[in-house]
N, C-alpha and C. Protein backbone atom coordinates (compact mmCIF):
# COMPACT_ATOMS: atom_id res chain seq x y z
N MET A 1 -39.08 14.47 -58.64
CA MET A 1 -38.55 14.58 -59.98
C MET A 1 -37.07 14.95 -59.88
N PRO A 2 -36.15 14.18 -60.51
CA PRO A 2 -34.72 14.45 -60.41
C PRO A 2 -34.35 15.73 -61.17
N VAL A 3 -33.33 16.41 -60.64
CA VAL A 3 -32.85 17.64 -61.27
C VAL A 3 -31.83 17.26 -62.34
N ASP A 4 -31.99 17.83 -63.50
CA ASP A 4 -31.07 17.56 -64.60
C ASP A 4 -29.81 18.40 -64.40
N PRO A 5 -28.64 17.77 -64.16
CA PRO A 5 -27.42 18.56 -63.93
C PRO A 5 -26.95 19.28 -65.19
N LEU A 6 -27.44 18.89 -66.36
CA LEU A 6 -27.03 19.53 -67.60
C LEU A 6 -27.79 20.82 -67.87
N ALA A 7 -28.90 20.99 -67.19
CA ALA A 7 -29.71 22.18 -67.46
C ALA A 7 -29.24 23.35 -66.60
N CYS A 8 -29.06 24.47 -67.23
CA CYS A 8 -28.71 25.69 -66.49
C CYS A 8 -29.99 26.32 -65.97
N ARG A 9 -29.81 27.28 -65.11
CA ARG A 9 -30.99 27.97 -64.59
C ARG A 9 -31.74 28.65 -65.71
N ASP A 10 -33.03 28.69 -65.56
CA ASP A 10 -33.83 29.42 -66.53
C ASP A 10 -33.59 30.90 -66.35
N ALA A 11 -33.75 31.63 -67.42
CA ALA A 11 -33.57 33.09 -67.36
C ALA A 11 -34.64 33.69 -66.48
N PRO A 12 -34.31 34.76 -65.74
CA PRO A 12 -35.32 35.39 -64.90
C PRO A 12 -36.42 35.99 -65.77
N PRO A 13 -37.63 36.09 -65.23
CA PRO A 13 -38.71 36.65 -66.02
C PRO A 13 -38.41 38.11 -66.38
N GLU A 14 -38.88 38.51 -67.54
CA GLU A 14 -38.62 39.87 -68.01
C GLU A 14 -39.39 40.86 -67.15
N ALA A 15 -38.69 41.89 -66.70
CA ALA A 15 -39.33 42.90 -65.86
C ALA A 15 -40.26 43.75 -66.72
N PRO A 16 -41.42 44.14 -66.16
CA PRO A 16 -42.33 44.98 -66.94
C PRO A 16 -41.71 46.36 -67.17
N ARG A 17 -41.92 46.90 -68.38
CA ARG A 17 -41.40 48.22 -68.71
C ARG A 17 -42.33 49.29 -68.16
N ALA A 18 -41.71 50.38 -67.75
CA ALA A 18 -42.50 51.52 -67.31
C ALA A 18 -43.14 52.16 -68.54
N SER A 19 -44.28 52.77 -68.34
CA SER A 19 -44.95 53.39 -69.48
C SER A 19 -44.11 54.55 -70.00
N GLY A 20 -44.07 54.70 -71.31
CA GLY A 20 -43.33 55.78 -71.92
C GLY A 20 -41.88 55.44 -72.24
N THR A 21 -41.41 54.25 -71.87
CA THR A 21 -40.03 53.89 -72.19
C THR A 21 -39.98 53.30 -73.59
N ALA A 22 -38.83 53.44 -74.22
CA ALA A 22 -38.67 52.95 -75.59
C ALA A 22 -38.62 51.43 -75.62
N ALA A 23 -39.01 50.87 -76.75
CA ALA A 23 -38.95 49.42 -76.93
C ALA A 23 -37.49 48.99 -76.98
N PRO A 24 -37.19 47.77 -76.53
CA PRO A 24 -35.80 47.30 -76.55
C PRO A 24 -35.24 47.26 -77.97
N ASP A 25 -33.94 47.43 -78.07
CA ASP A 25 -33.23 47.39 -79.34
C ASP A 25 -33.26 45.96 -79.89
N PRO A 26 -33.65 45.77 -81.16
CA PRO A 26 -33.72 44.40 -81.70
C PRO A 26 -32.34 43.72 -81.73
N ASP A 27 -31.28 44.48 -81.97
CA ASP A 27 -29.95 43.88 -81.93
C ASP A 27 -29.63 43.37 -80.53
N ARG A 28 -29.99 44.15 -79.52
CA ARG A 28 -29.73 43.74 -78.14
C ARG A 28 -30.49 42.46 -77.80
N GLU A 29 -31.74 42.37 -78.27
CA GLU A 29 -32.53 41.16 -78.02
C GLU A 29 -31.88 39.95 -78.69
N ALA A 30 -31.37 40.12 -79.91
CA ALA A 30 -30.71 39.03 -80.62
C ALA A 30 -29.43 38.61 -79.90
N ILE A 31 -28.68 39.59 -79.40
CA ILE A 31 -27.45 39.28 -78.66
C ILE A 31 -27.77 38.55 -77.37
N GLU A 32 -28.81 38.99 -76.66
CA GLU A 32 -29.20 38.32 -75.43
C GLU A 32 -29.61 36.87 -75.71
N LEU A 33 -30.35 36.65 -76.79
CA LEU A 33 -30.78 35.30 -77.15
C LEU A 33 -29.57 34.43 -77.49
N GLU A 34 -28.64 34.97 -78.28
CA GLU A 34 -27.43 34.23 -78.65
C GLU A 34 -26.58 33.93 -77.42
N THR A 35 -26.47 34.88 -76.50
CA THR A 35 -25.70 34.68 -75.28
C THR A 35 -26.33 33.59 -74.42
N GLU A 36 -27.64 33.60 -74.35
CA GLU A 36 -28.35 32.57 -73.58
C GLU A 36 -28.10 31.19 -74.19
N ARG A 37 -28.15 31.08 -75.51
CA ARG A 37 -27.87 29.80 -76.18
C ARG A 37 -26.44 29.33 -75.89
N PHE A 38 -25.50 30.29 -75.97
CA PHE A 38 -24.10 29.96 -75.70
C PHE A 38 -23.93 29.44 -74.28
N ALA A 39 -24.56 30.12 -73.30
CA ALA A 39 -24.43 29.71 -71.90
C ALA A 39 -25.00 28.31 -71.69
N ARG A 40 -26.14 28.04 -72.29
CA ARG A 40 -26.73 26.70 -72.16
C ARG A 40 -25.84 25.64 -72.81
N ARG A 41 -25.23 25.97 -73.96
CA ARG A 41 -24.35 25.02 -74.64
C ARG A 41 -23.11 24.73 -73.79
N VAL A 42 -22.55 25.76 -73.17
CA VAL A 42 -21.38 25.57 -72.31
C VAL A 42 -21.76 24.71 -71.10
N CYS A 43 -22.93 24.96 -70.53
CA CYS A 43 -23.39 24.16 -69.38
C CYS A 43 -23.59 22.70 -69.76
N SER A 44 -24.15 22.46 -70.92
CA SER A 44 -24.40 21.08 -71.32
C SER A 44 -23.11 20.37 -71.75
N THR A 45 -22.15 21.12 -72.28
CA THR A 45 -20.89 20.51 -72.71
C THR A 45 -19.98 20.21 -71.53
N HIS A 46 -20.01 21.05 -70.52
CA HIS A 46 -19.13 20.91 -69.34
C HIS A 46 -19.97 20.91 -68.06
N PRO A 47 -20.78 19.88 -67.82
CA PRO A 47 -21.71 19.91 -66.68
C PRO A 47 -21.01 19.93 -65.32
N ARG A 48 -19.90 19.19 -65.17
CA ARG A 48 -19.25 19.14 -63.85
C ARG A 48 -18.64 20.48 -63.47
N ALA A 49 -18.27 21.28 -64.43
CA ALA A 49 -17.64 22.57 -64.14
C ALA A 49 -18.61 23.53 -63.47
N PHE A 50 -19.92 23.32 -63.67
CA PHE A 50 -20.90 24.25 -63.11
C PHE A 50 -21.73 23.64 -61.99
N THR A 51 -21.41 22.41 -61.57
CA THR A 51 -22.19 21.81 -60.50
C THR A 51 -21.39 21.59 -59.22
N ASP A 52 -20.06 21.69 -59.31
CA ASP A 52 -19.26 21.46 -58.11
C ASP A 52 -19.01 22.77 -57.35
N ALA A 53 -18.14 22.70 -56.37
CA ALA A 53 -17.87 23.86 -55.52
C ALA A 53 -17.16 24.98 -56.27
N LYS A 54 -16.52 24.66 -57.41
CA LYS A 54 -15.78 25.68 -58.16
C LYS A 54 -16.63 26.34 -59.24
N ALA A 55 -17.95 26.20 -59.17
CA ALA A 55 -18.82 26.74 -60.21
C ALA A 55 -18.68 28.25 -60.35
N THR A 56 -18.57 28.95 -59.24
CA THR A 56 -18.44 30.41 -59.29
C THR A 56 -17.14 30.81 -59.96
N THR A 57 -16.06 30.12 -59.64
CA THR A 57 -14.76 30.42 -60.25
C THR A 57 -14.80 30.14 -61.75
N THR A 58 -15.44 29.05 -62.14
CA THR A 58 -15.55 28.71 -63.56
C THR A 58 -16.38 29.75 -64.29
N LYS A 59 -17.47 30.17 -63.68
CA LYS A 59 -18.34 31.17 -64.29
C LYS A 59 -17.58 32.49 -64.48
N GLU A 60 -16.81 32.89 -63.48
CA GLU A 60 -16.01 34.12 -63.58
C GLU A 60 -14.96 34.00 -64.68
N ALA A 61 -14.37 32.82 -64.82
CA ALA A 61 -13.36 32.61 -65.87
C ALA A 61 -13.99 32.69 -67.26
N VAL A 62 -15.18 32.14 -67.42
CA VAL A 62 -15.88 32.21 -68.71
C VAL A 62 -16.21 33.66 -69.04
N ILE A 63 -16.73 34.39 -68.07
CA ILE A 63 -17.08 35.80 -68.28
C ILE A 63 -15.83 36.62 -68.61
N ARG A 64 -14.73 36.36 -67.91
CA ARG A 64 -13.48 37.07 -68.17
C ARG A 64 -13.01 36.81 -69.59
N GLN A 65 -13.09 35.55 -70.04
CA GLN A 65 -12.66 35.21 -71.40
C GLN A 65 -13.53 35.89 -72.44
N ILE A 66 -14.83 35.98 -72.18
CA ILE A 66 -15.73 36.67 -73.12
C ILE A 66 -15.37 38.14 -73.18
N ARG A 67 -15.09 38.77 -72.04
CA ARG A 67 -14.71 40.18 -72.02
C ARG A 67 -13.42 40.42 -72.80
N ILE A 68 -12.46 39.52 -72.66
CA ILE A 68 -11.19 39.66 -73.37
C ILE A 68 -11.40 39.52 -74.87
N THR A 69 -12.28 38.60 -75.27
CA THR A 69 -12.46 38.28 -76.67
C THR A 69 -13.26 39.36 -77.42
N LEU A 70 -14.25 39.96 -76.76
CA LEU A 70 -15.09 40.94 -77.43
C LEU A 70 -14.40 42.30 -77.51
N PRO A 71 -14.58 43.03 -78.63
CA PRO A 71 -14.04 44.38 -78.71
C PRO A 71 -14.93 45.33 -77.90
N PRO A 72 -14.55 46.51 -77.55
CA PRO A 72 -13.23 47.08 -77.77
C PRO A 72 -12.24 46.52 -76.77
N HIS A 73 -11.02 46.34 -77.22
CA HIS A 73 -9.97 45.84 -76.36
C HIS A 73 -9.37 47.00 -75.58
N PRO A 74 -8.79 46.74 -74.43
CA PRO A 74 -8.23 47.83 -73.64
C PRO A 74 -7.07 48.50 -74.37
N GLY A 75 -6.90 49.77 -74.13
CA GLY A 75 -5.80 50.51 -74.73
C GLY A 75 -6.18 51.16 -76.05
N ARG A 76 -5.24 51.84 -76.61
CA ARG A 76 -5.46 52.52 -77.88
C ARG A 76 -5.36 51.54 -79.03
N PRO A 77 -6.02 51.88 -80.14
CA PRO A 77 -5.79 51.07 -81.34
C PRO A 77 -4.34 51.23 -81.79
N ARG A 78 -3.77 50.21 -82.36
CA ARG A 78 -2.36 50.26 -82.78
C ARG A 78 -2.20 51.14 -84.00
N SER A 79 -1.13 51.89 -84.01
CA SER A 79 -0.81 52.76 -85.12
C SER A 79 0.01 51.98 -86.15
N ASP A 80 -0.38 52.10 -87.42
CA ASP A 80 0.34 51.39 -88.49
C ASP A 80 1.78 51.87 -88.60
N SER A 81 2.01 53.17 -88.42
CA SER A 81 3.37 53.70 -88.56
C SER A 81 4.28 53.17 -87.45
N VAL A 82 3.73 53.04 -86.23
CA VAL A 82 4.53 52.51 -85.13
C VAL A 82 4.83 51.03 -85.37
N THR A 83 3.84 50.29 -85.86
CA THR A 83 4.05 48.88 -86.16
C THR A 83 5.13 48.72 -87.22
N ARG A 84 5.07 49.54 -88.26
CA ARG A 84 6.08 49.47 -89.34
C ARG A 84 7.46 49.80 -88.79
N ALA A 85 7.57 50.85 -87.97
CA ALA A 85 8.86 51.24 -87.39
C ALA A 85 9.39 50.13 -86.49
N TRP A 86 8.52 49.52 -85.71
CA TRP A 86 8.91 48.45 -84.80
C TRP A 86 9.47 47.26 -85.59
N GLU A 87 8.76 46.91 -86.69
CA GLU A 87 9.23 45.79 -87.51
C GLU A 87 10.57 46.11 -88.18
N MET A 88 10.72 47.34 -88.69
CA MET A 88 11.97 47.73 -89.34
C MET A 88 13.12 47.71 -88.34
N GLU A 89 12.86 48.20 -87.13
CA GLU A 89 13.92 48.23 -86.12
C GLU A 89 14.33 46.81 -85.75
N ARG A 90 13.37 45.91 -85.64
CA ARG A 90 13.68 44.50 -85.34
C ARG A 90 14.54 43.88 -86.41
N LEU A 91 14.38 44.33 -87.66
CA LEU A 91 15.17 43.80 -88.76
C LEU A 91 16.55 44.43 -88.83
N GLY A 92 16.82 45.40 -87.97
CA GLY A 92 18.15 46.02 -87.93
C GLY A 92 18.30 47.25 -88.80
N VAL A 93 17.19 47.80 -89.30
CA VAL A 93 17.25 49.01 -90.12
C VAL A 93 17.59 50.18 -89.20
N GLU A 94 18.46 51.07 -89.65
CA GLU A 94 18.85 52.23 -88.85
C GLU A 94 17.70 53.23 -88.77
N TRP A 95 17.67 53.97 -87.68
CA TRP A 95 16.60 54.94 -87.45
C TRP A 95 16.57 56.00 -88.55
N ARG A 96 17.74 56.34 -89.11
CA ARG A 96 17.77 57.34 -90.18
C ARG A 96 16.89 56.94 -91.36
N ALA A 97 16.81 55.65 -91.63
CA ALA A 97 15.98 55.15 -92.73
C ALA A 97 14.53 54.92 -92.28
N ILE A 98 14.32 54.72 -91.00
CA ILE A 98 12.97 54.46 -90.49
C ILE A 98 12.14 55.74 -90.48
N TYR A 99 12.74 56.85 -90.06
CA TYR A 99 11.98 58.10 -89.92
C TYR A 99 11.23 58.50 -91.18
N PRO A 100 11.87 58.59 -92.35
CA PRO A 100 11.13 59.02 -93.54
C PRO A 100 10.03 58.03 -93.94
N GLU A 101 10.22 56.76 -93.63
CA GLU A 101 9.22 55.74 -93.97
C GLU A 101 7.98 55.82 -93.08
N CYS A 102 8.17 56.20 -91.82
CA CYS A 102 7.09 56.05 -90.83
C CYS A 102 6.50 57.37 -90.32
N ILE A 103 7.13 58.49 -90.61
CA ILE A 103 6.59 59.79 -90.18
C ILE A 103 6.00 60.45 -91.41
N SER A 104 4.68 60.67 -91.39
CA SER A 104 4.03 61.24 -92.57
C SER A 104 4.49 62.69 -92.78
N GLY A 105 4.81 63.03 -94.01
CA GLY A 105 5.26 64.36 -94.36
C GLY A 105 6.63 64.70 -93.82
N TYR A 106 7.44 63.71 -93.57
CA TYR A 106 8.76 63.92 -92.96
C TYR A 106 9.61 64.91 -93.76
N ALA A 107 9.59 64.83 -95.07
CA ALA A 107 10.43 65.68 -95.91
C ALA A 107 10.01 67.15 -95.84
N THR A 108 8.74 67.41 -95.57
CA THR A 108 8.26 68.80 -95.55
C THR A 108 8.25 69.42 -94.16
N LEU A 109 8.55 68.64 -93.13
CA LEU A 109 8.51 69.16 -91.76
C LEU A 109 9.74 70.02 -91.49
N ASN A 110 9.53 71.07 -90.67
CA ASN A 110 10.69 71.86 -90.26
C ASN A 110 11.46 71.10 -89.19
N TRP A 111 12.62 71.64 -88.82
CA TRP A 111 13.53 70.92 -87.93
C TRP A 111 12.89 70.55 -86.60
N LYS A 112 12.16 71.48 -85.95
CA LYS A 112 11.54 71.21 -84.64
C LYS A 112 10.45 70.13 -84.75
N GLU A 113 9.63 70.21 -85.80
CA GLU A 113 8.58 69.21 -85.98
C GLU A 113 9.18 67.83 -86.26
N ARG A 114 10.27 67.80 -87.03
CA ARG A 114 10.94 66.52 -87.28
C ARG A 114 11.45 65.91 -85.98
N ARG A 115 12.14 66.72 -85.18
CA ARG A 115 12.68 66.22 -83.91
C ARG A 115 11.57 65.69 -83.01
N LYS A 116 10.46 66.42 -82.97
CA LYS A 116 9.33 65.98 -82.14
C LYS A 116 8.76 64.66 -82.68
N GLY A 117 8.60 64.57 -83.99
CA GLY A 117 8.09 63.34 -84.60
C GLY A 117 9.03 62.16 -84.39
N MET A 118 10.34 62.42 -84.50
CA MET A 118 11.33 61.36 -84.29
C MET A 118 11.27 60.85 -82.86
N ALA A 119 11.21 61.78 -81.90
CA ALA A 119 11.16 61.38 -80.48
C ALA A 119 9.89 60.60 -80.18
N ARG A 120 8.76 61.06 -80.72
CA ARG A 120 7.49 60.36 -80.48
C ARG A 120 7.53 58.95 -81.06
N LEU A 121 8.09 58.82 -82.26
CA LEU A 121 8.15 57.50 -82.89
C LEU A 121 9.06 56.57 -82.10
N ARG A 122 10.23 57.04 -81.70
CA ARG A 122 11.14 56.21 -80.90
C ARG A 122 10.48 55.79 -79.58
N ASN A 123 9.80 56.73 -78.91
CA ASN A 123 9.14 56.41 -77.65
C ASN A 123 8.00 55.40 -77.85
N ALA A 124 7.25 55.56 -78.94
CA ALA A 124 6.16 54.62 -79.20
C ALA A 124 6.69 53.22 -79.48
N VAL A 125 7.80 53.14 -80.21
CA VAL A 125 8.40 51.83 -80.50
C VAL A 125 8.94 51.22 -79.21
N ARG A 126 9.57 52.02 -78.37
CA ARG A 126 10.08 51.52 -77.08
C ARG A 126 8.92 51.00 -76.23
N ALA A 127 7.80 51.74 -76.21
CA ALA A 127 6.64 51.28 -75.44
C ALA A 127 6.07 50.00 -76.03
N ARG A 128 6.07 49.89 -77.35
CA ARG A 128 5.56 48.67 -77.99
C ARG A 128 6.42 47.48 -77.64
N ARG A 129 7.74 47.69 -77.56
CA ARG A 129 8.65 46.60 -77.17
C ARG A 129 8.43 46.20 -75.73
N GLY A 130 7.92 47.11 -74.94
CA GLY A 130 7.73 46.82 -73.52
C GLY A 130 8.97 47.07 -72.71
N SER A 131 10.00 47.70 -73.33
CA SER A 131 11.23 47.95 -72.59
C SER A 131 11.20 49.34 -72.00
N ARG A 132 11.88 49.48 -70.92
CA ARG A 132 11.99 50.77 -70.24
C ARG A 132 13.46 51.03 -69.96
N PRO A 133 13.80 52.27 -69.68
CA PRO A 133 15.18 52.52 -69.28
C PRO A 133 15.54 51.66 -68.08
N ARG A 134 16.80 51.22 -68.01
CA ARG A 134 17.19 50.31 -66.93
C ARG A 134 17.07 50.96 -65.58
N GLN A 135 16.47 50.23 -64.66
CA GLN A 135 16.35 50.66 -63.27
C GLN A 135 16.67 49.47 -62.40
N ALA A 136 17.02 49.75 -61.15
CA ALA A 136 17.30 48.66 -60.22
C ALA A 136 16.02 47.91 -59.93
N ARG A 137 16.10 46.59 -59.97
CA ARG A 137 14.94 45.76 -59.63
C ARG A 137 14.81 45.68 -58.12
N LYS A 138 13.59 45.46 -57.64
CA LYS A 138 13.35 45.40 -56.20
C LYS A 138 14.06 44.23 -55.54
N ASN A 139 14.09 43.09 -56.19
CA ASN A 139 14.65 41.89 -55.57
C ASN A 139 16.07 41.59 -56.04
N SER A 140 16.81 42.61 -56.44
CA SER A 140 18.17 42.37 -56.89
C SER A 140 19.14 42.51 -55.72
N THR A 141 20.30 41.94 -55.88
CA THR A 141 21.33 42.01 -54.85
C THR A 141 22.12 43.29 -55.04
N VAL A 142 22.28 44.06 -53.98
CA VAL A 142 23.02 45.31 -54.06
C VAL A 142 24.31 45.15 -53.26
N ILE A 143 25.42 45.45 -53.92
CA ILE A 143 26.72 45.38 -53.26
C ILE A 143 27.31 46.78 -53.29
N SER A 144 27.69 47.28 -52.15
CA SER A 144 28.26 48.63 -52.12
C SER A 144 29.69 48.60 -52.62
N ASN A 145 30.17 49.77 -52.99
CA ASN A 145 31.56 49.87 -53.44
C ASN A 145 32.53 49.52 -52.31
N ASN A 146 32.16 49.83 -51.05
CA ASN A 146 33.02 49.50 -49.92
C ASN A 146 33.14 48.00 -49.75
N GLU A 147 32.06 47.24 -49.99
CA GLU A 147 32.10 45.79 -49.85
C GLU A 147 33.05 45.19 -50.88
N LYS A 148 33.06 45.78 -52.07
CA LYS A 148 33.97 45.28 -53.09
C LYS A 148 35.42 45.48 -52.64
N ASN A 149 35.66 46.61 -51.97
CA ASN A 149 37.03 46.95 -51.61
C ASN A 149 37.52 46.25 -50.34
N ASP A 150 36.72 46.30 -49.27
CA ASP A 150 37.23 45.77 -48.01
C ASP A 150 36.36 44.68 -47.38
N GLY A 151 35.31 44.27 -48.04
CA GLY A 151 34.49 43.17 -47.53
C GLY A 151 33.44 43.59 -46.52
N ALA A 152 33.28 44.88 -46.23
CA ALA A 152 32.25 45.33 -45.28
C ALA A 152 30.88 45.17 -45.93
N LEU A 153 29.94 44.63 -45.20
CA LEU A 153 28.61 44.40 -45.75
C LEU A 153 27.73 45.63 -45.60
N PHE A 154 27.05 46.00 -46.68
CA PHE A 154 26.04 47.05 -46.72
C PHE A 154 26.53 48.36 -46.13
N ALA A 155 27.70 48.80 -46.49
CA ALA A 155 28.21 50.09 -46.04
C ALA A 155 27.46 51.18 -46.80
N PRO A 156 26.78 52.09 -46.10
CA PRO A 156 25.96 53.08 -46.75
C PRO A 156 26.72 54.28 -47.29
N VAL A 157 28.02 54.29 -47.21
CA VAL A 157 28.81 55.47 -47.56
C VAL A 157 28.87 55.70 -49.06
N ALA A 158 29.24 54.72 -49.85
CA ALA A 158 29.47 54.88 -51.27
C ALA A 158 28.21 54.52 -52.06
N PRO A 159 28.06 55.05 -53.27
CA PRO A 159 26.93 54.66 -54.10
C PRO A 159 26.96 53.18 -54.45
N ALA A 160 25.80 52.60 -54.62
CA ALA A 160 25.70 51.16 -54.83
C ALA A 160 25.75 50.80 -56.30
N THR A 161 26.20 49.58 -56.58
CA THR A 161 26.20 49.01 -57.92
C THR A 161 25.18 47.87 -57.94
N VAL A 162 24.33 47.81 -58.95
CA VAL A 162 23.29 46.80 -59.01
C VAL A 162 23.81 45.59 -59.77
N ILE A 163 23.55 44.42 -59.20
CA ILE A 163 23.89 43.15 -59.84
C ILE A 163 22.60 42.42 -60.11
N GLY A 164 22.41 42.02 -61.29
CA GLY A 164 21.33 41.40 -61.64
C GLY A 164 20.28 40.68 -61.92
């Protein structure tokens, strides 16, 4: 009897439950059933992807995509105030106008609490932008001050200037 390349493996038989264990969650059973249907549909839609030598790589890619798509996503949930501050800053609004809009209770905070809130908001916006204070890159060209002056290569005497 020929093997149908469109058919995925059958699910393994259900393991017997130990006595005294709780019945499975009905939501979990529904999710498992839906996942099984999805896997069979993917196998039937893309048969060559799961029958050649790259089947394991394809399977890992599908699983990775499912993990990325399903919540919870990695990291903290985004803060609305940081998003608003980030958008205002991108539009060129000065920080003096951003603080009262994005820090709750800004007008009633004492000086120390305001400074702390301002610093936290600026840092959160900087992190959201993905920018960091400038540092020398690993693969950048470094020219010493001596090389600029007399042409000596890599003189360790003077502090270096990073070129970019």
